C-alpha atoms as a PDB file:
ATOM      1  CA  MET A   1      24.634  43.386  11.386  1.00  0.00           C
ATOM      2  CA  ALA A   2      26.192  41.722   8.363  1.00  0.00           C
ATOM      3  CA  GLU A   3      26.546  43.620   5.126  1.00  0.00           C
ATOM      4  CA  ILE A   4      24.118  42.303   2.497  1.00  0.00           C
ATOM      5  CA  THR A   5      25.802  42.151  -0.907  1.00  0.00           C
ATOM      6  CA  ALA A   6      24.227  41.874  -4.339  1.00  0.00           C
ATOM      7  CA  ALA A   7      25.880  38.459  -4.725  1.00  0.00           C
ATOM      8  CA  MET A   8      24.157  37.212  -1.563  1.00  0.00           C
ATOM      9  CA  VAL A   9      20.786  38.449  -2.803  1.00  0.00           C
ATOM     10  CA  LYS A  10      21.392  36.890  -6.213  1.00  0.00           C
ATOM     11  CA  GLU A  11      22.335  33.520  -4.700  1.00  0.00           C
ATOM     12  CA  LEU A  12      19.255  33.491  -2.461  1.00  0.00           C
ATOM     13  CA  ARG A  13      17.023  34.525  -5.346  1.00  0.00           C
ATOM     14  CA  GLU A  14      18.400  31.739  -7.570  1.00  0.00           C
ATOM     15  CA  SER A  15      17.992  29.223  -4.773  1.00  0.00           C
ATOM     16  CA  THR A  16      14.421  30.135  -3.823  1.00  0.00           C
ATOM     17  CA  GLY A  17      12.896  31.887  -6.830  1.00  0.00           C
ATOM     18  CA  ALA A  18      11.674  34.661  -4.515  1.00  0.00           C
ATOM     19  CA  GLY A  19      11.651  38.318  -5.531  1.00  0.00           C
ATOM     20  CA  MET A  20      14.782  40.430  -5.224  1.00  0.00           C
ATOM     21  CA  MET A  21      13.442  42.694  -2.472  1.00  0.00           C
ATOM     22  CA  ASP A  22      12.011  39.709  -0.580  1.00  0.00           C
ATOM     23  CA  CYS A  23      15.482  38.117  -0.665  1.00  0.00           C
ATOM     24  CA  LYS A  24      17.200  41.304   0.463  1.00  0.00           C
ATOM     25  CA  ASN A  25      14.720  41.778   3.317  1.00  0.00           C
ATOM     26  CA  ALA A  26      15.051  38.133   4.401  1.00  0.00           C
ATOM     27  CA  LEU A  27      18.840  38.430   4.471  1.00  0.00           C
ATOM     28  CA  SER A  28      18.591  41.677   6.454  1.00  0.00           C
ATOM     29  CA  GLU A  29      16.182  40.125   8.976  1.00  0.00           C
ATOM     30  CA  THR A  30      18.488  37.128   9.462  1.00  0.00           C
ATOM     31  CA  ASN A  31      21.743  39.156   9.583  1.00  0.00           C
ATOM     32  CA  GLY A  32      23.008  37.579   6.373  1.00  0.00           C
ATOM     33  CA  ASP A  33      22.420  33.947   7.441  1.00  0.00           C
ATOM     34  CA  PHE A  34      21.605  32.169   4.161  1.00  0.00           C
ATOM     35  CA  ASP A  35      19.896  29.111   5.691  1.00  0.00           C
ATOM     36  CA  LYS A  36      17.751  31.184   8.032  1.00  0.00           C
ATOM     37  CA  ALA A  37      16.824  33.478   5.129  1.00  0.00           C
ATOM     38  CA  VAL A  38      15.703  30.465   3.065  1.00  0.00           C
ATOM     39  CA  GLN A  39      13.561  29.271   5.985  1.00  0.00           C
ATOM     40  CA  LEU A  40      12.096  32.749   6.495  1.00  0.00           C
ATOM     41  CA  LEU A  41      11.204  33.030   2.806  1.00  0.00           C
ATOM     42  CA  ARG A  42       9.622  29.569   2.918  1.00  0.00           C
ATOM     43  CA  GLU A  43       7.483  30.578   5.912  1.00  0.00           C
ATOM     44  CA  LYS A  44       6.435  33.842   4.268  1.00  0.00           C
ATOM     45  CA  GLY A  45       5.717  31.981   1.036  1.00  0.00           C
ATOM     46  CA  LEU A  46       3.392  29.547   2.789  1.00  0.00           C
ATOM     47  CA  GLY A  47       1.543  32.538   4.215  1.00  0.00           C
ATOM     48  CA  LYS A  48       1.215  34.043   0.752  1.00  0.00           C
ATOM     49  CA  ALA A  49      -0.028  30.726  -0.624  1.00  0.00           C
ATOM     50  CA  ALA A  50      -2.693  30.513   2.072  1.00  0.00           C
ATOM     51  CA  LYS A  51      -3.924  34.029   1.235  1.00  0.00           C
ATOM     52  CA  LYS A  52      -4.256  33.104  -2.452  1.00  0.00           C
ATOM     53  CA  ALA A  53      -6.044  29.786  -1.877  1.00  0.00           C
ATOM     54  CA  ASP A  54      -9.524  31.305  -2.191  1.00  0.00           C
ATOM     55  CA  ARG A  55      -8.860  32.946  -5.544  1.00  0.00           C
ATOM     56  CA  LEU A  56     -10.406  31.418  -8.667  1.00  0.00           C
ATOM     57  CA  ALA A  57      -7.950  29.533 -10.865  1.00  0.00           C
ATOM     58  CA  ALA A  58      -9.662  29.010 -14.229  1.00  0.00           C
ATOM     59  CA  GLU A  59      -6.783  29.285 -16.713  1.00  0.00           C
ATOM     60  CA  GLY A  60      -4.026  26.725 -17.071  1.00  0.00           C
ATOM     61  CA  LEU A  61      -2.583  23.797 -18.967  1.00  0.00           C
ATOM     62  CA  VAL A  62      -3.279  20.155 -19.606  1.00  0.00           C
ATOM     63  CA  SER A  63      -0.160  18.005 -19.891  1.00  0.00           C
ATOM     64  CA  VAL A  64       0.105  14.508 -21.377  1.00  0.00           C
ATOM     65  CA  LYS A  65       3.036  12.121 -20.954  1.00  0.00           C
ATOM     66  CA  VAL A  66       3.153   8.826 -22.842  1.00  0.00           C
ATOM     67  CA  SER A  67       5.076   5.960 -21.254  1.00  0.00           C
ATOM     68  CA  ASP A  68       8.363   4.890 -22.830  1.00  0.00           C
ATOM     69  CA  ASP A  69       6.819   1.632 -24.057  1.00  0.00           C
ATOM     70  CA  PHE A  70       3.755   3.470 -25.482  1.00  0.00           C
ATOM     71  CA  THR A  71       1.327   1.333 -23.449  1.00  0.00           C
ATOM     72  CA  SER A  72      -0.073   4.074 -21.222  1.00  0.00           C
ATOM     73  CA  ALA A  73      -0.397   7.822 -20.901  1.00  0.00           C
ATOM     74  CA  THR A  74      -0.791  10.220 -18.002  1.00  0.00           C
ATOM     75  CA  VAL A  75      -2.871  13.389 -18.165  1.00  0.00           C
ATOM     76  CA  SER A  76      -2.775  16.212 -15.631  1.00  0.00           C
ATOM     77  CA  GLU A  77      -4.336  19.652 -15.481  1.00  0.00           C
ATOM     78  CA  ILE A  78      -3.033  22.531 -13.410  1.00  0.00           C
ATOM     79  CA  ASN A  79      -4.897  25.818 -13.345  1.00  0.00           C
ATOM     80  CA  SER A  80      -3.708  29.350 -12.642  1.00  0.00           C
ATOM     81  CA  GLU A  81      -5.573  32.619 -12.213  1.00  0.00           C
ATOM     82  CA  THR A  82      -4.443  34.207 -15.491  1.00  0.00           C
ATOM     83  CA  ASP A  83      -3.447  33.108 -18.960  1.00  0.00           C
ATOM     84  CA  PHE A  84      -0.196  35.062 -18.545  1.00  0.00           C
ATOM     85  CA  VAL A  85       0.983  32.637 -15.869  1.00  0.00           C
ATOM     86  CA  ALA A  86      -0.261  29.672 -17.914  1.00  0.00           C
ATOM     87  CA  LYS A  87       2.197  30.748 -20.643  1.00  0.00           C
ATOM     88  CA  ASN A  88       5.071  31.277 -18.174  1.00  0.00           C
ATOM     89  CA  ASP A  89       8.069  28.920 -18.553  1.00  0.00           C
ATOM     90  CA  GLN A  90       8.098  28.161 -14.827  1.00  0.00           C
ATOM     91  CA  PHE A  91       4.403  27.170 -14.895  1.00  0.00           C
ATOM     92  CA  ILE A  92       4.911  25.042 -18.010  1.00  0.00           C
ATOM     93  CA  ALA A  93       7.832  23.269 -16.311  1.00  0.00           C
ATOM     94  CA  LEU A  94       5.710  22.740 -13.172  1.00  0.00           C
ATOM     95  CA  THR A  95       2.976  21.126 -15.266  1.00  0.00           C
ATOM     96  CA  LYS A  96       5.394  18.853 -17.140  1.00  0.00           C
ATOM     97  CA  ASP A  97       7.266  17.876 -13.965  1.00  0.00           C
ATOM     98  CA  THR A  98       3.998  17.112 -12.183  1.00  0.00           C
ATOM     99  CA  THR A  99       2.788  14.885 -15.020  1.00  0.00           C
ATOM    100  CA  ALA A 100       6.099  13.009 -15.083  1.00  0.00           C
ATOM    101  CA  HIS A 101       5.933  12.618 -11.286  1.00  0.00           C
ATOM    102  CA  ILE A 102       2.396  11.236 -11.494  1.00  0.00           C
ATOM    103  CA  GLN A 103       3.424   8.732 -14.142  1.00  0.00           C
ATOM    104  CA  SER A 104       6.656   7.585 -12.509  1.00  0.00           C
ATOM    105  CA  ASN A 105       4.882   7.004  -9.179  1.00  0.00           C
ATOM    106  CA  SER A 106       1.686   5.499 -10.684  1.00  0.00           C
ATOM    107  CA  LEU A 107      -0.489   7.969  -8.803  1.00  0.00           C
ATOM    108  CA  GLN A 108      -4.224   7.547  -9.351  1.00  0.00           C
ATOM    109  CA  SER A 109      -5.797  10.636  -7.770  1.00  0.00           C
ATOM    110  CA  VAL A 110      -5.178  14.253  -6.860  1.00  0.00           C
ATOM    111  CA  GLU A 111      -5.230  13.211  -3.187  1.00  0.00           C
ATOM    112  CA  GLU A 112      -2.429  10.688  -3.802  1.00  0.00           C
ATOM    113  CA  LEU A 113      -0.478  13.393  -5.640  1.00  0.00           C
ATOM    114  CA  HIS A 114      -0.774  15.885  -2.762  1.00  0.00           C
ATOM    115  CA  SER A 115       0.539  13.347  -0.249  1.00  0.00           C
ATOM    116  CA  SER A 116       3.380  12.114  -2.501  1.00  0.00           C
ATOM    117  CA  ILE A 117       7.009  13.242  -2.216  1.00  0.00           C
ATOM    118  CA  ILE A 118       8.608  15.312  -4.992  1.00  0.00           C
ATOM    119  CA  ASN A 119      12.110  16.791  -4.761  1.00  0.00           C
ATOM    120  CA  GLY A 120      12.310  15.682  -1.123  1.00  0.00           C
ATOM    121  CA  VAL A 121       9.126  17.427   0.102  1.00  0.00           C
ATOM    122  CA  LYS A 122       5.418  16.649   0.095  1.00  0.00           C
ATOM    123  CA  PHE A 123       3.854  17.715  -3.200  1.00  0.00           C
ATOM    124  CA  GLU A 124       1.415  19.899  -1.283  1.00  0.00           C
ATOM    125  CA  GLU A 125       4.328  21.922   0.154  1.00  0.00           C
ATOM    126  CA  TYR A 126       6.065  21.964  -3.232  1.00  0.00           C
ATOM    127  CA  LEU A 127       2.912  23.406  -4.830  1.00  0.00           C
ATOM    128  CA  LYS A 128       2.644  26.051  -2.090  1.00  0.00           C
ATOM    129  CA  SER A 129       6.232  27.115  -2.784  1.00  0.00           C
ATOM    130  CA  GLN A 130       5.372  27.412  -6.484  1.00  0.00           C
ATOM    131  CA  ILE A 131       2.310  29.526  -5.597  1.00  0.00           C
ATOM    132  CA  ALA A 132       4.532  31.827  -3.532  1.00  0.00           C
ATOM    133  CA  THR A 133       7.104  32.088  -6.322  1.00  0.00           C
ATOM    134  CA  ILE A 134       4.678  32.521  -9.221  1.00  0.00           C
ATOM    135  CA  GLY A 135       2.362  34.805  -7.267  1.00  0.00           C
ATOM    136  CA  GLU A 136      -0.987  33.257  -8.185  1.00  0.00           C
ATOM    137  CA  ASN A 137      -3.215  30.522  -6.846  1.00  0.00           C
ATOM    138  CA  LEU A 138      -2.468  27.216  -8.588  1.00  0.00           C
ATOM    139  CA  VAL A 139      -4.827  24.242  -8.463  1.00  0.00           C
ATOM    140  CA  VAL A 140      -4.292  20.671  -9.644  1.00  0.00           C
ATOM    141  CA  ARG A 141      -7.627  19.715 -11.208  1.00  0.00           C
ATOM    142  CA  ARG A 142      -6.892  16.214 -12.469  1.00  0.00           C
END
């Protein structure tokens, strides 16, 4: 069994956004294999996201992005379970990035958004990873 160092845990945490103990446990379960630990955390995160899907998400943010030529604007709304998360820098960045993604890809509906590709993965999977990292159910309303 490989020795799990603080540097390994830190690197995995920075790469995935998962909690420190989750990272340490994933590295232990995979004998220090970074790639396998990332995959394990992703699988566990999807499980966490599925468990949170039924929770009410009534707080959140509305984001607006005006086009560079000022001829159009894009509005999106993402909701969280609590106002604490809605004020979180990671959630704010998620909302801004989502609005920019919608605008740059000329998406017209939430369904189109969920099937689109962002950062190399389907948006639906990207959102599930954010749910796992943030720890609350997140819902794109519009």
